[in-house]
Amino acid sequence: SIVLLDRQNRFIVSGDSISGGSPVFMFGGERSFHAY
């Protein structure tokens, strides 16, 4: 998973990793809370 940082316009595109109330999927073999 990546985010994309726009330093000039001061935002990041975060994919699914940051919860703004919508639950982040963390079950299944690809996920790791320690890495999170």
PDB file of all heavy atoms in Angstrom:
ATOM      1  N   SER A   1       0.840  -1.201   0.000  1.00  0.00           N
ATOM      2  CA  SER A   1       0.000   0.000   0.000  1.00  0.00           C
ATOM      3  C   SER A   1       0.871   1.246   0.000  1.00  0.00           C
ATOM      4  O   SER A   1       1.903   1.315   0.682  1.00  0.00           O
ATOM      5  CB  SER A   1      -0.909   0.023   1.234  1.00  0.00           C
ATOM      6  OG  SER A   1      -2.007  -0.849   1.102  1.00  0.00           O
ATOM      7  N   ILE A   2       0.431   2.243  -0.772  1.00  0.00           N
ATOM      8  CA  ILE A   2       1.137   3.522  -0.820  1.00  0.00           C
ATOM      9  C   ILE A   2       0.156   4.662  -0.601  1.00  0.00           C
ATOM     10  O   ILE A   2      -1.053   4.513  -0.775  1.00  0.00           O
ATOM     11  CB  ILE A   2       1.870   3.741  -2.166  1.00  0.00           C
ATOM     12  CG1 ILE A   2       0.872   3.740  -3.344  1.00  0.00           C
ATOM     13  CG2 ILE A   2       2.965   2.693  -2.357  1.00  0.00           C
ATOM     14  CD1 ILE A   2       1.485   4.156  -4.676  1.00  0.00           C
ATOM     15  N   VAL A   3       0.699   5.805  -0.206  1.00  0.00           N
ATOM     16  CA  VAL A   3      -0.001   7.070  -0.354  1.00  0.00           C
ATOM     17  C   VAL A   3       0.800   7.907  -1.339  1.00  0.00           C
ATOM     18  O   VAL A   3       1.996   7.690  -1.559  1.00  0.00           O
ATOM     19  CB  VAL A   3      -0.188   7.840   0.974  1.00  0.00           C
ATOM     20  CG1 VAL A   3      -0.951   7.016   1.978  1.00  0.00           C
ATOM     21  CG2 VAL A   3       1.140   8.295   1.564  1.00  0.00           C
ATOM     22  N   LEU A   4       0.124   8.881  -1.932  1.00  0.00           N
ATOM     23  CA  LEU A   4       0.768   9.829  -2.830  1.00  0.00           C
ATOM     24  C   LEU A   4       0.686  11.203  -2.202  1.00  0.00           C
ATOM     25  O   LEU A   4      -0.400  11.668  -1.826  1.00  0.00           O
ATOM     26  CB  LEU A   4       0.089   9.819  -4.198  1.00  0.00           C
ATOM     27  CG  LEU A   4       0.189   8.491  -4.956  1.00  0.00           C
ATOM     28  CD1 LEU A   4      -0.678   8.532  -6.211  1.00  0.00           C
ATOM     29  CD2 LEU A   4       1.633   8.167  -5.316  1.00  0.00           C
ATOM     30  N   LEU A   5       1.820  11.859  -2.072  1.00  0.00           N
ATOM     31  CA  LEU A   5       1.924  13.147  -1.402  1.00  0.00           C
ATOM     32  C   LEU A   5       2.121  14.257  -2.425  1.00  0.00           C
ATOM     33  O   LEU A   5       3.059  14.217  -3.224  1.00  0.00           O
ATOM     34  CB  LEU A   5       3.106  13.123  -0.425  1.00  0.00           C
ATOM     35  CG  LEU A   5       3.551  14.464   0.168  1.00  0.00           C
ATOM     36  CD1 LEU A   5       2.454  15.083   1.026  1.00  0.00           C
ATOM     37  CD2 LEU A   5       4.841  14.270   0.986  1.00  0.00           C
ATOM     38  N   ASP A   6       1.240  15.231  -2.403  1.00  0.00           N
ATOM     39  CA  ASP A   6       1.389  16.456  -3.197  1.00  0.00           C
ATOM     40  C   ASP A   6       1.862  17.550  -2.244  1.00  0.00           C
ATOM     41  O   ASP A   6       1.064  18.131  -1.503  1.00  0.00           O
ATOM     42  CB  ASP A   6       0.056  16.826  -3.847  1.00  0.00           C
ATOM     43  CG  ASP A   6       0.159  18.021  -4.796  1.00  0.00           C
ATOM     44  OD1 ASP A   6       0.956  18.946  -4.511  1.00  0.00           O
ATOM     45  OD2 ASP A   6      -0.562  18.042  -5.815  1.00  0.00           O
ATOM     46  N   ARG A   7       3.158  17.792  -2.245  1.00  0.00           N
ATOM     47  CA  ARG A   7       3.724  18.768  -1.311  1.00  0.00           C
ATOM     48  C   ARG A   7       3.271  20.190  -1.620  1.00  0.00           C
ATOM     49  O   ARG A   7       3.062  20.997  -0.705  1.00  0.00           O
ATOM     50  CB  ARG A   7       5.257  18.683  -1.329  1.00  0.00           C
ATOM     51  CG  ARG A   7       5.813  17.378  -0.763  1.00  0.00           C
ATOM     52  CD  ARG A   7       7.327  17.384  -0.713  1.00  0.00           C
ATOM     53  NE  ARG A   7       7.866  16.116  -0.230  1.00  0.00           N
ATOM     54  CZ  ARG A   7       8.064  15.820   1.054  1.00  0.00           C
ATOM     55  NH1 ARG A   7       7.765  16.729   1.978  1.00  0.00           N
ATOM     56  NH2 ARG A   7       8.559  14.654   1.417  1.00  0.00           N
ATOM     57  N   GLN A   8       3.121  20.509  -2.885  1.00  0.00           N
ATOM     58  CA  GLN A   8       2.750  21.864  -3.271  1.00  0.00           C
ATOM     59  C   GLN A   8       1.325  22.195  -2.836  1.00  0.00           C
ATOM     60  O   GLN A   8       1.063  23.270  -2.293  1.00  0.00           O
ATOM     61  CB  GLN A   8       2.882  22.041  -4.779  1.00  0.00           C
ATOM     62  CG  GLN A   8       2.502  23.436  -5.278  1.00  0.00           C
ATOM     63  CD  GLN A   8       2.649  23.584  -6.785  1.00  0.00           C
ATOM     64  OE1 GLN A   8       3.097  22.654  -7.472  1.00  0.00           O
ATOM     65  NE2 GLN A   8       2.274  24.739  -7.294  1.00  0.00           N
ATOM     66  N   ASN A   9       0.412  21.266  -3.069  1.00  0.00           N
ATOM     67  CA  ASN A   9      -0.991  21.492  -2.735  1.00  0.00           C
ATOM     68  C   ASN A   9      -1.391  20.911  -1.379  1.00  0.00           C
ATOM     69  O   ASN A   9      -2.541  21.024  -0.972  1.00  0.00           O
ATOM     70  CB  ASN A   9      -1.882  20.920  -3.838  1.00  0.00           C
ATOM     71  CG  ASN A   9      -1.671  21.649  -5.156  1.00  0.00           C
ATOM     72  OD1 ASN A   9      -1.947  22.837  -5.261  1.00  0.00           O
ATOM     73  ND2 ASN A   9      -1.156  20.939  -6.162  1.00  0.00           N
ATOM     74  N   ARG A  10      -0.437  20.258  -0.707  1.00  0.00           N
ATOM     75  CA  ARG A  10      -0.540  19.869   0.696  1.00  0.00           C
ATOM     76  C   ARG A  10      -1.698  18.898   0.966  1.00  0.00           C
ATOM     77  O   ARG A  10      -2.551  19.120   1.806  1.00  0.00           O
ATOM     78  CB  ARG A  10      -0.627  21.097   1.601  1.00  0.00           C
ATOM     79  CG  ARG A  10       0.629  21.968   1.523  1.00  0.00           C
ATOM     80  CD  ARG A  10       0.605  23.083   2.553  1.00  0.00           C
ATOM     81  NE  ARG A  10       0.506  22.561   3.892  1.00  0.00           N
ATOM     82  CZ  ARG A  10       1.531  22.073   4.608  1.00  0.00           C
ATOM     83  NH1 ARG A  10       2.747  22.046   4.079  1.00  0.00           N
ATOM     84  NH2 ARG A  10       1.345  21.626   5.828  1.00  0.00           N
ATOM     85  N   PHE A  11      -1.691  17.796   0.205  1.00  0.00           N
ATOM     86  CA  PHE A  11      -2.630  16.720   0.493  1.00  0.00           C
ATOM     87  C   PHE A  11      -1.951  15.387   0.209  1.00  0.00           C
ATOM     88  O   PHE A  11      -0.924  15.315  -0.475  1.00  0.00           O
ATOM     89  CB  PHE A  11      -3.921  16.847  -0.323  1.00  0.00           C
ATOM     90  CG  PHE A  11      -3.753  16.703  -1.810  1.00  0.00           C
ATOM     91  CD1 PHE A  11      -3.645  15.457  -2.405  1.00  0.00           C
ATOM     92  CD2 PHE A  11      -3.720  17.824  -2.630  1.00  0.00           C
ATOM     93  CE1 PHE A  11      -3.495  15.317  -3.778  1.00  0.00           C
ATOM     94  CE2 PHE A  11      -3.572  17.700  -3.997  1.00  0.00           C
ATOM     95  CZ  PHE A  11      -3.452  16.446  -4.575  1.00  0.00           C
ATOM     96  N   ILE A  12      -2.539  14.315   0.776  1.00  0.00           N
ATOM     97  CA  ILE A  12      -2.135  12.964   0.412  1.00  0.00           C
ATOM     98  C   ILE A  12      -3.350  12.210  -0.103  1.00  0.00           C
ATOM     99  O   ILE A  12      -4.483  12.438   0.337  1.00  0.00           O
ATOM    100  CB  ILE A  12      -1.489  12.174   1.575  1.00  0.00           C
ATOM    101  CG1 ILE A  12      -2.429  12.056   2.781  1.00  0.00           C
ATOM    102  CG2 ILE A  12      -0.161  12.786   1.971  1.00  0.00           C
ATOM    103  CD1 ILE A  12      -1.911  11.120   3.871  1.00  0.00           C
ATOM    104  N   VAL A  13      -3.113  11.298  -1.045  1.00  0.00           N
ATOM    105  CA  VAL A  13      -4.115  10.343  -1.513  1.00  0.00           C
ATOM    106  C   VAL A  13      -3.818   9.039  -0.796  1.00  0.00           C
ATOM    107  O   VAL A  13      -2.736   8.465  -0.958  1.00  0.00           O
ATOM    108  CB  VAL A  13      -4.036  10.157  -3.039  1.00  0.00           C
ATOM    109  CG1 VAL A  13      -5.164   9.258  -3.514  1.00  0.00           C
ATOM    110  CG2 VAL A  13      -4.087  11.508  -3.751  1.00  0.00           C
ATOM    111  N   SER A  14      -4.763   8.552  -0.010  1.00  0.00           N
ATOM    112  CA  SER A  14      -4.431   7.534   0.995  1.00  0.00           C
ATOM    113  C   SER A  14      -4.927   6.133   0.691  1.00  0.00           C
ATOM    114  O   SER A  14      -4.690   5.218   1.484  1.00  0.00           O
ATOM    115  CB  SER A  14      -4.974   7.964   2.360  1.00  0.00           C
ATOM    116  OG  SER A  14      -6.394   8.031   2.338  1.00  0.00           O
ATOM    117  N   GLY A  15      -5.631   5.911  -0.431  1.00  0.00           N
ATOM    118  CA  GLY A  15      -6.170   4.576  -0.655  1.00  0.00           C
ATOM    119  C   GLY A  15      -7.112   4.184   0.465  1.00  0.00           C
ATOM    120  O   GLY A  15      -7.965   4.970   0.877  1.00  0.00           O
ATOM    121  N   ASP A  16      -6.950   2.979   1.007  1.00  0.00           N
ATOM    122  CA  ASP A  16      -7.851   2.474   2.042  1.00  0.00           C
ATOM    123  C   ASP A  16      -7.280   2.543   3.450  1.00  0.00           C
ATOM    124  O   ASP A  16      -7.937   2.128   4.398  1.00  0.00           O
ATOM    125  CB  ASP A  16      -8.175   0.995   1.767  1.00  0.00           C
ATOM    126  CG  ASP A  16      -9.158   0.813   0.638  1.00  0.00           C
ATOM    127  OD1 ASP A  16      -9.579   1.812   0.034  1.00  0.00           O
ATOM    128  OD2 ASP A  16      -9.492  -0.355   0.345  1.00  0.00           O
ATOM    129  N   SER A  17      -6.061   3.011   3.618  1.00  0.00           N
ATOM    130  CA  SER A  17      -5.340   2.775   4.867  1.00  0.00           C
ATOM    131  C   SER A  17      -5.771   3.640   6.039  1.00  0.00           C
ATOM    132  O   SER A  17      -5.519   3.279   7.183  1.00  0.00           O
ATOM    133  CB  SER A  17      -3.831   2.942   4.646  1.00  0.00           C
ATOM    134  OG  SER A  17      -3.362   1.948   3.748  1.00  0.00           O
ATOM    135  N   ILE A  18      -6.402   4.772   5.772  1.00  0.00           N
ATOM    136  CA  ILE A  18      -6.775   5.691   6.845  1.00  0.00           C
ATOM    137  C   ILE A  18      -8.289   5.731   6.957  1.00  0.00           C
ATOM    138  O   ILE A  18      -8.990   5.949   5.970  1.00  0.00           O
ATOM    139  CB  ILE A  18      -6.205   7.095   6.604  1.00  0.00           C
ATOM    140  CG1 ILE A  18      -4.679   7.027   6.516  1.00  0.00           C
ATOM    141  CG2 ILE A  18      -6.626   8.048   7.713  1.00  0.00           C
ATOM    142  CD1 ILE A  18      -4.045   8.282   5.995  1.00  0.00           C
ATOM    143  N   SER A  19      -8.785   5.525   8.148  1.00  0.00           N
ATOM    144  CA  SER A  19     -10.217   5.462   8.383  1.00  0.00           C
ATOM    145  C   SER A  19     -10.764   6.842   8.712  1.00  0.00           C
ATOM    146  O   SER A  19     -10.366   7.459   9.697  1.00  0.00           O
ATOM    147  CB  SER A  19     -10.528   4.512   9.541  1.00  0.00           C
ATOM    148  OG  SER A  19     -11.899   4.560   9.875  1.00  0.00           O
ATOM    149  N   GLY A  20     -11.664   7.297   7.868  1.00  0.00           N
ATOM    150  CA  GLY A  20     -12.413   8.511   8.171  1.00  0.00           C
ATOM    151  C   GLY A  20     -13.827   8.151   8.588  1.00  0.00           C
ATOM    152  O   GLY A  20     -14.763   8.899   8.344  1.00  0.00           O
ATOM    153  N   GLY A  21     -13.984   6.986   9.184  1.00  0.00           N
ATOM    154  CA  GLY A  21     -15.292   6.474   9.565  1.00  0.00           C
ATOM    155  C   GLY A  21     -15.681   5.261   8.752  1.00  0.00           C
ATOM    156  O   GLY A  21     -16.442   4.414   9.204  1.00  0.00           O
ATOM    157  N   SER A  22     -15.154   5.161   7.531  1.00  0.00           N
ATOM    158  CA  SER A  22     -15.381   3.967   6.704  1.00  0.00           C
ATOM    159  C   SER A  22     -14.394   2.888   7.136  1.00  0.00           C
ATOM    160  O   SER A  22     -13.180   3.121   7.109  1.00  0.00           O
ATOM    161  CB  SER A  22     -15.178   4.312   5.227  1.00  0.00           C
ATOM    162  OG  SER A  22     -15.381   3.189   4.401  1.00  0.00           O
ATOM    163  N   PRO A  23     -14.858   1.700   7.546  1.00  0.00           N
ATOM    164  CA  PRO A  23     -13.941   0.716   8.134  1.00  0.00           C
ATOM    165  C   PRO A  23     -12.838   0.266   7.181  1.00  0.00           C
ATOM    166  O   PRO A  23     -13.070   0.043   5.993  1.00  0.00           O
ATOM    167  CB  PRO A  23     -14.865  -0.451   8.503  1.00  0.00           C
ATOM    168  CG  PRO A  23     -16.215   0.166   8.658  1.00  0.00           C
ATOM    169  CD  PRO A  23     -16.270   1.259   7.636  1.00  0.00           C
ATOM    170  N   VAL A  24     -11.636   0.125   7.711  1.00  0.00           N
ATOM    171  CA  VAL A  24     -10.494  -0.406   6.977  1.00  0.00           C
ATOM    172  C   VAL A  24     -10.533  -1.927   7.072  1.00  0.00           C
ATOM    173  O   VAL A  24     -10.648  -2.487   8.164  1.00  0.00           O
ATOM    174  CB  VAL A  24      -9.167   0.125   7.561  1.00  0.00           C
ATOM    175  CG1 VAL A  24      -7.974  -0.475   6.814  1.00  0.00           C
ATOM    176  CG2 VAL A  24      -9.132   1.650   7.500  1.00  0.00           C
ATOM    177  N   PHE A  25     -10.430  -2.610   5.934  1.00  0.00           N
ATOM    178  CA  PHE A  25     -10.406  -4.069   5.925  1.00  0.00           C
ATOM    179  C   PHE A  25      -9.042  -4.551   6.424  1.00  0.00           C
ATOM    180  O   PHE A  25      -8.005  -4.246   5.824  1.00  0.00           O
ATOM    181  CB  PHE A  25     -10.640  -4.600   4.511  1.00  0.00           C
ATOM    182  CG  PHE A  25     -12.080  -4.592   4.069  1.00  0.00           C
ATOM    183  CD1 PHE A  25     -12.808  -3.415   3.997  1.00  0.00           C
ATOM    184  CD2 PHE A  25     -12.711  -5.773   3.722  1.00  0.00           C
ATOM    185  CE1 PHE A  25     -14.127  -3.403   3.584  1.00  0.00           C
ATOM    186  CE2 PHE A  25     -14.041  -5.779   3.307  1.00  0.00           C
ATOM    187  CZ  PHE A  25     -14.760  -4.587   3.238  1.00  0.00           C
ATOM    188  N   MET A  26      -9.042  -5.324   7.516  1.00  0.00           N
ATOM    189  CA  MET A  26      -7.782  -5.834   8.079  1.00  0.00           C
ATOM    190  C   MET A  26      -7.847  -7.327   8.362  1.00  0.00           C
ATOM    191  O   MET A  26      -7.066  -7.845   9.145  1.00  0.00           O
ATOM    192  CB  MET A  26      -7.422  -5.056   9.349  1.00  0.00           C
ATOM    193  CG  MET A  26      -6.987  -3.617   9.094  1.00  0.00           C
ATOM    194  SD  MET A  26      -5.498  -3.450   8.089  1.00  0.00           S
ATOM    195  CE  MET A  26      -4.251  -4.064   9.223  1.00  0.00           C
ATOM    196  N   PHE A  27      -8.776  -8.031   7.722  1.00  0.00           N
ATOM    197  CA  PHE A  27      -8.812  -9.492   7.849  1.00  0.00           C
ATOM    198  C   PHE A  27      -8.284 -10.097   6.552  1.00  0.00           C
ATOM    199  O   PHE A  27      -8.358  -9.493   5.488  1.00  0.00           O
ATOM    200  CB  PHE A  27     -10.222  -9.995   8.157  1.00  0.00           C
ATOM    201  CG  PHE A  27     -11.224  -9.722   7.065  1.00  0.00           C
ATOM    202  CD1 PHE A  27     -11.481 -10.669   6.084  1.00  0.00           C
ATOM    203  CD2 PHE A  27     -11.915  -8.515   7.021  1.00  0.00           C
ATOM    204  CE1 PHE A  27     -12.404 -10.427   5.081  1.00  0.00           C
ATOM    205  CE2 PHE A  27     -12.836  -8.257   6.012  1.00  0.00           C
ATOM    206  CZ  PHE A  27     -13.081  -9.217   5.044  1.00  0.00           C
ATOM    207  N   GLY A  28      -7.740 -11.295   6.659  1.00  0.00           N
ATOM    208  CA  GLY A  28      -7.199 -11.968   5.481  1.00  0.00           C
ATOM    209  C   GLY A  28      -5.681 -11.973   5.498  1.00  0.00           C
ATOM    210  O   GLY A  28      -5.032 -11.193   6.211  1.00  0.00           O
ATOM    211  N   GLY A  29      -5.111 -12.831   4.682  1.00  0.00           N
ATOM    212  CA  GLY A  29      -3.678 -13.086   4.733  1.00  0.00           C
ATOM    213  C   GLY A  29      -2.793 -11.947   4.289  1.00  0.00           C
ATOM    214  O   GLY A  29      -1.595 -11.953   4.589  1.00  0.00           O
ATOM    215  N   GLU A  30      -3.328 -10.956   3.566  1.00  0.00           N
ATOM    216  CA  GLU A  30      -2.477  -9.873   3.067  1.00  0.00           C
ATOM    217  C   GLU A  30      -2.290  -8.755   4.085  1.00  0.00           C
ATOM    218  O   GLU A  30      -1.477  -7.855   3.872  1.00  0.00           O
ATOM    219  CB  GLU A  30      -3.079  -9.273   1.781  1.00  0.00           C
ATOM    220  CG  GLU A  30      -3.423 -10.294   0.702  1.00  0.00           C
ATOM    221  CD  GLU A  30      -2.228 -11.082   0.224  1.00  0.00           C
ATOM    222  OE1 GLU A  30      -1.105 -10.551   0.284  1.00  0.00           O
ATOM    223  OE2 GLU A  30      -2.419 -12.238  -0.199  1.00  0.00           O
ATOM    224  N   ARG A  31      -3.016  -8.785   5.187  1.00  0.00           N
ATOM    225  CA  ARG A  31      -3.054  -7.645   6.106  1.00  0.00           C
ATOM    226  C   ARG A  31      -2.138  -7.864   7.306  1.00  0.00           C
ATOM    227  O   ARG A  31      -1.933  -8.993   7.747  1.00  0.00           O
ATOM    228  CB  ARG A  31      -4.468  -7.396   6.609  1.00  0.00           C
ATOM    229  CG  ARG A  31      -5.591  -7.715   5.635  1.00  0.00           C
ATOM    230  CD  ARG A  31      -5.722  -6.759   4.483  1.00  0.00           C
ATOM    231  NE  ARG A  31      -6.947  -7.020   3.731  1.00  0.00           N
ATOM    232  CZ  ARG A  31      -7.288  -6.411   2.613  1.00  0.00           C
ATOM    233  NH1 ARG A  31      -6.514  -5.470   2.104  1.00  0.00           N
ATOM    234  NH2 ARG A  31      -8.407  -6.705   1.987  1.00  0.00           N
ATOM    235  N   SER A  32      -1.629  -6.768   7.873  1.00  0.00           N
ATOM    236  CA  SER A  32      -0.767  -6.864   9.053  1.00  0.00           C
ATOM    237  C   SER A  32      -0.946  -5.630   9.923  1.00  0.00           C
ATOM    238  O   SER A  32      -0.633  -4.513   9.491  1.00  0.00           O
ATOM    239  CB  SER A  32       0.707  -6.981   8.649  1.00  0.00           C
ATOM    240  OG  SER A  32       1.558  -6.763   9.762  1.00  0.00           O
ATOM    241  N   PHE A  33      -1.439  -5.830  11.135  1.00  0.00           N
ATOM    242  CA  PHE A  33      -1.563  -4.704  12.049  1.00  0.00           C
ATOM    243  C   PHE A  33      -0.193  -4.193  12.491  1.00  0.00           C
ATOM    244  O   PHE A  33      -0.016  -2.989  12.709  1.00  0.00           O
ATOM    245  CB  PHE A  33      -2.396  -5.089  13.275  1.00  0.00           C
ATOM    246  CG  PHE A  33      -3.854  -4.807  13.114  1.00  0.00           C
ATOM    247  CD1 PHE A  33      -4.777  -5.838  13.095  1.00  0.00           C
ATOM    248  CD2 PHE A  33      -4.315  -3.501  12.986  1.00  0.00           C
ATOM    249  CE1 PHE A  33      -6.133  -5.586  12.953  1.00  0.00           C
ATOM    250  CE2 PHE A  33      -5.669  -3.232  12.844  1.00  0.00           C
ATOM    251  CZ  PHE A  33      -6.583  -4.276  12.818  1.00  0.00           C
ATOM    252  N   HIS A  34       0.794  -5.072  12.628  1.00  0.00           N
ATOM    253  CA  HIS A  34       2.120  -4.611  13.052  1.00  0.00           C
ATOM    254  C   HIS A  34       2.708  -3.655  12.013  1.00  0.00           C
ATOM    255  O   HIS A  34       3.263  -2.598  12.357  1.00  0.00           O
ATOM    256  CB  HIS A  34       3.037  -5.811  13.273  1.00  0.00           C
ATOM    257  CG  HIS A  34       2.592  -6.692  14.398  1.00  0.00           C
ATOM    258  ND1 HIS A  34       2.628  -6.284  15.711  1.00  0.00           N
ATOM    259  CD2 HIS A  34       2.070  -7.949  14.403  1.00  0.00           C
ATOM    260  CE1 HIS A  34       2.164  -7.256  16.483  1.00  0.00           C
ATOM    261  NE2 HIS A  34       1.821  -8.272  15.717  1.00  0.00           N
ATOM    262  N   ALA A  35       2.579  -3.989  10.737  1.00  0.00           N
ATOM    263  CA  ALA A  35       3.032  -3.082   9.688  1.00  0.00           C
ATOM    264  C   ALA A  35       2.180  -1.815   9.675  1.00  0.00           C
ATOM    265  O   ALA A  35       2.698  -0.709   9.435  1.00  0.00           O
ATOM    266  CB  ALA A  35       2.977  -3.778   8.330  1.00  0.00           C
ATOM    267  N   TYR A  36       0.897  -1.953   9.934  1.00  0.00           N
ATOM    268  CA  TYR A  36      -0.008  -0.801   9.950  1.00  0.00           C
ATOM    269  C   TYR A  36       0.396   0.206  11.021  1.00  0.00           C
ATOM    270  O   TYR A  36       0.419   1.422  10.770  1.00  0.00           O
ATOM    271  CB  TYR A  36      -1.443  -1.282  10.179  1.00  0.00           C
ATOM    272  CG  TYR A  36      -2.483  -0.202  10.070  1.00  0.00           C
ATOM    273  CD1 TYR A  36      -2.999   0.162   8.837  1.00  0.00           C
ATOM    274  CD2 TYR A  36      -2.966   0.445  11.197  1.00  0.00           C
ATOM    275  CE1 TYR A  36      -3.964   1.156   8.729  1.00  0.00           C
ATOM    276  CE2 TYR A  36      -3.932   1.431  11.111  1.00  0.00           C
ATOM    277  CZ  TYR A  36      -4.426   1.789   9.864  1.00  0.00           C
ATOM    278  OH  TYR A  36      -5.379   2.782   9.765  1.00  0.00           O
TER     279      TYR A  36
END
